[in-house]
Amino acid sequence: MSPAIEDDIEHLVPSGKITWMFTDYSGDLPFADHKTPGELDDVTGLGIAVHIDTNGAAPGRCAATVRLSLHMT
């Protein structure tokens, strides 16, 4: 995810505006962490509930594509 989105999320979590996150890594989670080191640590270190979905190794999908769904109050 872009640094701007990371910053927005990091600022919204302490205020309680984001209370959980759903991530879709569309395949190979270790490859995604290799391609963007630290991103998983950042997401899991937010102190909110995080659902990490990989959807298996779906052919034709980029392993490092990340889609986020945020629950905002």
PDB file of N, CA and C in Angstrom:
ATOM      1  N   MET A   1       0.843  -1.172   0.000  1.00  0.00           N
ATOM      2  CA  MET A   1       0.000   0.000   0.000  1.00  0.00           C
ATOM      3  C   MET A   1       0.880   1.223   0.000  1.00  0.00           C
ATOM      4  N   SER A   2       0.364   2.304  -0.463  1.00  0.00           N
ATOM      5  CA  SER A   2       1.167   3.514  -0.585  1.00  0.00           C
ATOM      6  C   SER A   2       1.459   4.106   0.796  1.00  0.00           C
ATOM      7  N   PRO A   3       2.565   4.830   0.909  1.00  0.00           N
ATOM      8  CA  PRO A   3       2.891   5.478   2.179  1.00  0.00           C
ATOM      9  C   PRO A   3       1.792   6.442   2.656  1.00  0.00           C
ATOM     10  N   ALA A   4       1.113   7.088   1.725  1.00  0.00           N
ATOM     11  CA  ALA A   4       0.035   8.013   2.103  1.00  0.00           C
ATOM     12  C   ALA A   4      -1.119   7.264   2.774  1.00  0.00           C
ATOM     13  N   ILE A   5      -1.468   6.093   2.249  1.00  0.00           N
ATOM     14  CA  ILE A   5      -2.543   5.301   2.848  1.00  0.00           C
ATOM     15  C   ILE A   5      -2.101   4.783   4.209  1.00  0.00           C
ATOM     16  N   GLU A   6      -0.848   4.315   4.302  1.00  0.00           N
ATOM     17  CA  GLU A   6      -0.326   3.868   5.595  1.00  0.00           C
ATOM     18  C   GLU A   6      -0.420   4.983   6.635  1.00  0.00           C
ATOM     19  N   ASP A   7      -0.014   6.184   6.249  1.00  0.00           N
ATOM     20  CA  ASP A   7      -0.075   7.329   7.171  1.00  0.00           C
ATOM     21  C   ASP A   7      -1.501   7.622   7.604  1.00  0.00           C
ATOM     22  N   ASP A   8      -2.427   7.606   6.645  1.00  0.00           N
ATOM     23  CA  ASP A   8      -3.837   7.859   6.980  1.00  0.00           C
ATOM     24  C   ASP A   8      -4.345   6.830   7.988  1.00  0.00           C
ATOM     25  N   ILE A   9      -4.040   5.557   7.728  1.00  0.00           N
ATOM     26  CA  ILE A   9      -4.496   4.501   8.630  1.00  0.00           C
ATOM     27  C   ILE A   9      -3.886   4.679  10.014  1.00  0.00           C
ATOM     28  N   GLU A  10      -2.580   4.942  10.068  1.00  0.00           N
ATOM     29  CA  GLU A  10      -1.899   5.108  11.354  1.00  0.00           C
ATOM     30  C   GLU A  10      -2.456   6.278  12.157  1.00  0.00           C
ATOM     31  N   HIS A  11      -2.968   7.292  11.487  1.00  0.00           N
ATOM     32  CA  HIS A  11      -3.551   8.434  12.198  1.00  0.00           C
ATOM     33  C   HIS A  11      -5.007   8.195  12.608  1.00  0.00           C
ATOM     34  N   LEU A  12      -5.713   7.337  11.894  1.00  0.00           N
ATOM     35  CA  LEU A  12      -7.120   7.083  12.199  1.00  0.00           C
ATOM     36  C   LEU A  12      -7.317   6.014  13.273  1.00  0.00           C
ATOM     37  N   VAL A  13      -6.357   5.103  13.425  1.00  0.00           N
ATOM     38  CA  VAL A  13      -6.495   4.033  14.415  1.00  0.00           C
ATOM     39  C   VAL A  13      -6.560   4.577  15.852  1.00  0.00           C
ATOM     40  N   PRO A  14      -5.624   5.449  16.276  1.00  0.00           N
ATOM     41  CA  PRO A  14      -5.666   5.911  17.670  1.00  0.00           C
ATOM     42  C   PRO A  14      -6.963   6.634  18.047  1.00  0.00           C
ATOM     43  N   SER A  15      -7.610   7.262  17.076  1.00  0.00           N
ATOM     44  CA  SER A  15      -8.853   7.976  17.351  1.00  0.00           C
ATOM     45  C   SER A  15     -10.059   7.045  17.394  1.00  0.00           C
ATOM     46  N   GLY A  16      -9.837   5.754  17.076  1.00  0.00           N
ATOM     47  CA  GLY A  16     -10.932   4.794  17.086  1.00  0.00           C
ATOM     48  C   GLY A  16     -11.764   4.805  15.826  1.00  0.00           C
ATOM     49  N   LYS A  17     -11.327   5.546  14.806  1.00  0.00           N
ATOM     50  CA  LYS A  17     -12.094   5.606  13.559  1.00  0.00           C
ATOM     51  C   LYS A  17     -11.917   4.347  12.715  1.00  0.00           C
ATOM     52  N   ILE A  18     -10.827   3.617  12.924  1.00  0.00           N
ATOM     53  CA  ILE A  18     -10.631   2.318  12.288  1.00  0.00           C
ATOM     54  C   ILE A  18     -10.480   1.308  13.412  1.00  0.00           C
ATOM     55  N   THR A  19     -11.358   0.311  13.420  1.00  0.00           N
ATOM     56  CA  THR A  19     -11.340  -0.666  14.506  1.00  0.00           C
ATOM     57  C   THR A  19     -10.962  -2.066  14.046  1.00  0.00           C
ATOM     58  N   TRP A  20     -11.004  -2.338  12.754  1.00  0.00           N
ATOM     59  CA  TRP A  20     -10.544  -3.607  12.216  1.00  0.00           C
ATOM     60  C   TRP A  20     -10.196  -3.439  10.753  1.00  0.00           C
ATOM     61  N   MET A  21      -9.439  -4.394  10.222  1.00  0.00           N
ATOM     62  CA  MET A  21      -8.980  -4.315   8.847  1.00  0.00           C
ATOM     63  C   MET A  21      -9.047  -5.705   8.218  1.00  0.00           C
ATOM     64  N   PHE A  22      -9.459  -5.761   6.966  1.00  0.00           N
ATOM     65  CA  PHE A  22      -9.457  -6.982   6.174  1.00  0.00           C
ATOM     66  C   PHE A  22      -8.442  -6.780   5.057  1.00  0.00           C
ATOM     67  N   THR A  23      -7.485  -7.694   4.927  1.00  0.00           N
ATOM     68  CA  THR A  23      -6.500  -7.589   3.857  1.00  0.00           C
ATOM     69  C   THR A  23      -6.616  -8.794   2.943  1.00  0.00           C
ATOM     70  N   ASP A  24      -6.384  -8.597   1.672  1.00  0.00           N
ATOM     71  CA  ASP A  24      -6.404  -9.676   0.689  1.00  0.00           C
ATOM     72  C   ASP A  24      -5.087  -9.634  -0.060  1.00  0.00           C
ATOM     73  N   TYR A  25      -4.230 -10.593   0.223  1.00  0.00           N
ATOM     74  CA  TYR A  25      -2.933 -10.652  -0.432  1.00  0.00           C
ATOM     75  C   TYR A  25      -2.960 -11.485  -1.700  1.00  0.00           C
ATOM     76  N   SER A  26      -4.085 -11.990  -2.089  1.00  0.00           N
ATOM     77  CA  SER A  26      -4.294 -12.663  -3.374  1.00  0.00           C
ATOM     78  C   SER A  26      -3.223 -13.677  -3.716  1.00  0.00           C
ATOM     79  N   GLY A  27      -2.866 -14.507  -2.777  1.00  0.00           N
ATOM     80  CA  GLY A  27      -1.941 -15.580  -3.110  1.00  0.00           C
ATOM     81  C   GLY A  27      -0.852 -15.795  -2.090  1.00  0.00           C
ATOM     82  N   ASP A  28       0.366 -15.618  -2.489  1.00  0.00           N
ATOM     83  CA  ASP A  28       1.548 -16.025  -1.752  1.00  0.00           C
ATOM     84  C   ASP A  28       1.961 -14.982  -0.711  1.00  0.00           C
ATOM     85  N   LEU A  29       1.588 -15.202   0.519  1.00  0.00           N
ATOM     86  CA  LEU A  29       1.875 -14.253   1.591  1.00  0.00           C
ATOM     87  C   LEU A  29       3.370 -14.066   1.839  1.00  0.00           C
ATOM     88  N   PRO A  30       4.191 -15.135   1.896  1.00  0.00           N
ATOM     89  CA  PRO A  30       5.633 -14.907   2.077  1.00  0.00           C
ATOM     90  C   PRO A  30       6.254 -14.079   0.946  1.00  0.00           C
ATOM     91  N   PHE A  31       5.778 -14.273  -0.307  1.00  0.00           N
ATOM     92  CA  PHE A  31       6.293 -13.474  -1.412  1.00  0.00           C
ATOM     93  C   PHE A  31       5.904 -12.011  -1.233  1.00  0.00           C
ATOM     94  N   ALA A  32       4.683 -11.775  -0.797  1.00  0.00           N
ATOM     95  CA  ALA A  32       4.235 -10.402  -0.589  1.00  0.00           C
ATOM     96  C   ALA A  32       5.107  -9.720   0.457  1.00  0.00           C
ATOM     97  N   ASP A  33       5.462 -10.435   1.525  1.00  0.00           N
ATOM     98  CA  ASP A  33       6.320  -9.846   2.550  1.00  0.00           C
ATOM     99  C   ASP A  33       7.738  -9.637   2.034  1.00  0.00           C
ATOM    100  N   HIS A  34       8.179 -10.497   1.130  1.00  0.00           N
ATOM    101  CA  HIS A  34       9.502 -10.324   0.521  1.00  0.00           C
ATOM    102  C   HIS A  34       9.509  -9.101  -0.400  1.00  0.00           C
ATOM    103  N   LYS A  35       8.428  -8.921  -1.144  1.00  0.00           N
ATOM    104  CA  LYS A  35       8.356  -7.815  -2.109  1.00  0.00           C
ATOM    105  C   LYS A  35       8.234  -6.466  -1.404  1.00  0.00           C
ATOM    106  N   THR A  36       7.472  -6.423  -0.320  1.00  0.00           N
ATOM    107  CA  THR A  36       7.313  -5.175   0.438  1.00  0.00           C
ATOM    108  C   THR A  36       7.604  -5.459   1.908  1.00  0.00           C
ATOM    109  N   PRO A  37       8.888  -5.588   2.246  1.00  0.00           N
ATOM    110  CA  PRO A  37       9.264  -5.940   3.617  1.00  0.00           C
ATOM    111  C   PRO A  37       8.697  -4.957   4.642  1.00  0.00           C
ATOM    112  N   GLY A  38       8.202  -5.517   5.722  1.00  0.00           N
ATOM    113  CA  GLY A  38       7.699  -4.697   6.815  1.00  0.00           C
ATOM    114  C   GLY A  38       6.225  -4.355   6.735  1.00  0.00           C
ATOM    115  N   GLU A  39       5.615  -4.523   5.575  1.00  0.00           N
ATOM    116  CA  GLU A  39       4.204  -4.145   5.452  1.00  0.00           C
ATOM    117  C   GLU A  39       3.321  -4.989   6.372  1.00  0.00           C
ATOM    118  N   LEU A  40       3.566  -6.293   6.413  1.00  0.00           N
ATOM    119  CA  LEU A  40       2.768  -7.144   7.292  1.00  0.00           C
ATOM    120  C   LEU A  40       2.984  -6.766   8.756  1.00  0.00           C
ATOM    121  N   ASP A  41       4.231  -6.454   9.111  1.00  0.00           N
ATOM    122  CA  ASP A  41       4.515  -6.016  10.478  1.00  0.00           C
ATOM    123  C   ASP A  41       3.761  -4.733  10.804  1.00  0.00           C
ATOM    124  N   ASP A  42       3.718  -3.809   9.847  1.00  0.00           N
ATOM    125  CA  ASP A  42       2.997  -2.555  10.059  1.00  0.00           C
ATOM    126  C   ASP A  42       1.512  -2.803  10.282  1.00  0.00           C
ATOM    127  N   VAL A  43       0.934  -3.657   9.447  1.00  0.00           N
ATOM    128  CA  VAL A  43      -0.499  -3.943   9.542  1.00  0.00           C
ATOM    129  C   VAL A  43      -0.836  -4.642  10.860  1.00  0.00           C
ATOM    130  N   THR A  44      -0.066  -5.675  11.188  1.00  0.00           N
ATOM    131  CA  THR A  44      -0.372  -6.418  12.413  1.00  0.00           C
ATOM    132  C   THR A  44       0.019  -5.648  13.664  1.00  0.00           C
ATOM    133  N   GLY A  45       0.867  -4.645  13.532  1.00  0.00           N
ATOM    134  CA  GLY A  45       1.283  -3.843  14.675  1.00  0.00           C
ATOM    135  C   GLY A  45       0.382  -2.671  14.992  1.00  0.00           C
ATOM    136  N   LEU A  46      -0.719  -2.530  14.276  1.00  0.00           N
ATOM    137  CA  LEU A  46      -1.616  -1.393  14.506  1.00  0.00           C
ATOM    138  C   LEU A  46      -2.408  -1.507  15.807  1.00  0.00           C
ATOM    139  N   GLY A  47      -2.513  -2.724  16.352  1.00  0.00           N
ATOM    140  CA  GLY A  47      -3.274  -2.905  17.578  1.00  0.00           C
ATOM    141  C   GLY A  47      -4.767  -3.026  17.357  1.00  0.00           C
ATOM    142  N   ILE A  48      -5.159  -3.362  16.127  1.00  0.00           N
ATOM    143  CA  ILE A  48      -6.580  -3.588  15.823  1.00  0.00           C
ATOM    144  C   ILE A  48      -6.716  -5.005  15.267  1.00  0.00           C
ATOM    145  N   ALA A  49      -7.939  -5.489  15.182  1.00  0.00           N
ATOM    146  CA  ALA A  49      -8.182  -6.807  14.598  1.00  0.00           C
ATOM    147  C   ALA A  49      -7.855  -6.756  13.111  1.00  0.00           C
ATOM    148  N   VAL A  50      -7.126  -7.766  12.652  1.00  0.00           N
ATOM    149  CA  VAL A  50      -6.741  -7.840  11.236  1.00  0.00           C
ATOM    150  C   VAL A  50      -7.066  -9.227  10.710  1.00  0.00           C
ATOM    151  N   HIS A  51      -7.788  -9.273   9.604  1.00  0.00           N
ATOM    152  CA  HIS A  51      -8.059 -10.531   8.907  1.00  0.00           C
ATOM    153  C   HIS A  51      -7.155 -10.548   7.686  1.00  0.00           C
ATOM    154  N   ILE A  52      -6.321 -11.571   7.584  1.00  0.00           N
ATOM    155  CA  ILE A  52      -5.429 -11.697   6.432  1.00  0.00           C
ATOM    156  C   ILE A  52      -5.918 -12.860   5.585  1.00  0.00           C
ATOM    157  N   ASP A  53      -6.325 -12.562   4.352  1.00  0.00           N
ATOM    158  CA  ASP A  53      -6.826 -13.570   3.428  1.00  0.00           C
ATOM    159  C   ASP A  53      -5.823 -13.720   2.296  1.00  0.00           C
ATOM    160  N   THR A  54      -5.589 -14.943   1.873  1.00  0.00           N
ATOM    161  CA  THR A  54      -4.682 -15.162   0.747  1.00  0.00           C
ATOM    162  C   THR A  54      -5.401 -15.728  -0.463  1.00  0.00           C
ATOM    163  N   ASN A  55      -6.608 -16.245  -0.301  1.00  0.00           N
ATOM    164  CA  ASN A  55      -7.379 -16.820  -1.403  1.00  0.00           C
ATOM    165  C   ASN A  55      -6.590 -17.879  -2.163  1.00  0.00           C
ATOM    166  N   GLY A  56      -5.692 -18.559  -1.505  1.00  0.00           N
ATOM    167  CA  GLY A  56      -4.885 -19.559  -2.193  1.00  0.00           C
ATOM    168  C   GLY A  56      -3.958 -18.896  -3.187  1.00  0.00           C
ATOM    169  N   ALA A  57      -3.455 -19.658  -4.105  1.00  0.00           N
ATOM    170  CA  ALA A  57      -2.569 -19.119  -5.140  1.00  0.00           C
ATOM    171  C   ALA A  57      -3.329 -19.063  -6.446  1.00  0.00           C
ATOM    172  N   ALA A  58      -4.251 -18.146  -6.529  1.00  0.00           N
ATOM    173  CA  ALA A  58      -5.107 -18.044  -7.709  1.00  0.00           C
ATOM    174  C   ALA A  58      -4.283 -17.678  -8.942  1.00  0.00           C
ATOM    175  N   PRO A  59      -4.350 -18.469 -10.003  1.00  0.00           N
ATOM    176  CA  PRO A  59      -3.589 -18.155 -11.214  1.00  0.00           C
ATOM    177  C   PRO A  59      -4.042 -16.826 -11.814  1.00  0.00           C
ATOM    178  N   GLY A  60      -3.088 -16.113 -12.349  1.00  0.00           N
ATOM    179  CA  GLY A  60      -3.426 -14.870 -13.024  1.00  0.00           C
ATOM    180  C   GLY A  60      -3.578 -13.681 -12.098  1.00  0.00           C
ATOM    181  N   ARG A  61      -3.298 -13.870 -10.806  1.00  0.00           N
ATOM    182  CA  ARG A  61      -3.421 -12.758  -9.875  1.00  0.00           C
ATOM    183  C   ARG A  61      -2.049 -12.436  -9.312  1.00  0.00           C
ATOM    184  N   CYS A  62      -1.778 -11.197  -9.128  1.00  0.00           N
ATOM    185  CA  CYS A  62      -0.494 -10.771  -8.593  1.00  0.00           C
ATOM    186  C   CYS A  62      -0.411 -11.128  -7.119  1.00  0.00           C
ATOM    187  N   ALA A  63       0.642 -11.803  -6.710  1.00  0.00           N
ATOM    188  CA  ALA A  63       0.782 -12.279  -5.336  1.00  0.00           C
ATOM    189  C   ALA A  63       0.919 -11.143  -4.342  1.00  0.00           C
ATOM    190  N   ALA A  64       1.345  -9.987  -4.789  1.00  0.00           N
ATOM    191  CA  ALA A  64       1.566  -8.897  -3.839  1.00  0.00           C
ATOM    192  C   ALA A  64       0.465  -7.844  -3.897  1.00  0.00           C
ATOM    193  N   THR A  65      -0.596  -8.098  -4.633  1.00  0.00           N
ATOM    194  CA  THR A  65      -1.700  -7.157  -4.675  1.00  0.00           C
ATOM    195  C   THR A  65      -2.408  -7.169  -3.327  1.00  0.00           C
ATOM    196  N   VAL A  66      -2.622  -5.999  -2.768  1.00  0.00           N
ATOM    197  CA  VAL A  66      -3.263  -5.912  -1.463  1.00  0.00           C
ATOM    198  C   VAL A  66      -4.519  -5.067  -1.601  1.00  0.00           C
ATOM    199  N   ARG A  67      -5.634  -5.644  -1.156  1.00  0.00           N
ATOM    200  CA  ARG A  67      -6.883  -4.867  -1.082  1.00  0.00           C
ATOM    201  C   ARG A  67      -7.234  -4.750   0.389  1.00  0.00           C
ATOM    202  N   LEU A  68      -7.676  -3.599   0.782  1.00  0.00           N
ATOM    203  CA  LEU A  68      -8.011  -3.361   2.175  1.00  0.00           C
ATOM    204  C   LEU A  68      -9.477  -3.003   2.308  1.00  0.00           C
ATOM    205  N   SER A  69     -10.087  -3.521   3.338  1.00  0.00           N
ATOM    206  CA  SER A  69     -11.408  -3.067   3.747  1.00  0.00           C
ATOM    207  C   SER A  69     -11.257  -2.612   5.194  1.00  0.00           C
ATOM    208  N   LEU A  70     -11.633  -1.399   5.466  1.00  0.00           N
ATOM    209  CA  LEU A  70     -11.477  -0.850   6.797  1.00  0.00           C
ATOM    210  C   LEU A  70     -12.835  -0.599   7.406  1.00  0.00           C
ATOM    211  N   HIS A  71     -12.978  -0.918   8.680  1.00  0.00           N
ATOM    212  CA  HIS A  71     -14.202  -0.604   9.399  1.00  0.00           C
ATOM    213  C   HIS A  71     -13.996   0.715  10.099  1.00  0.00           C
ATOM    214  N   MET A  72     -14.698   1.728   9.640  1.00  0.00           N
ATOM    215  CA  MET A  72     -14.546   3.062  10.226  1.00  0.00           C
ATOM    216  C   MET A  72     -15.811   3.437  10.963  1.00  0.00           C
ATOM    217  N   THR A  73     -15.648   4.016  12.134  1.00  0.00           N
ATOM    218  CA  THR A  73     -16.799   4.434  12.935  1.00  0.00           C
ATOM    219  C   THR A  73     -17.010   5.906  12.838  1.00  0.00           C
TER     220      THR A  73
END
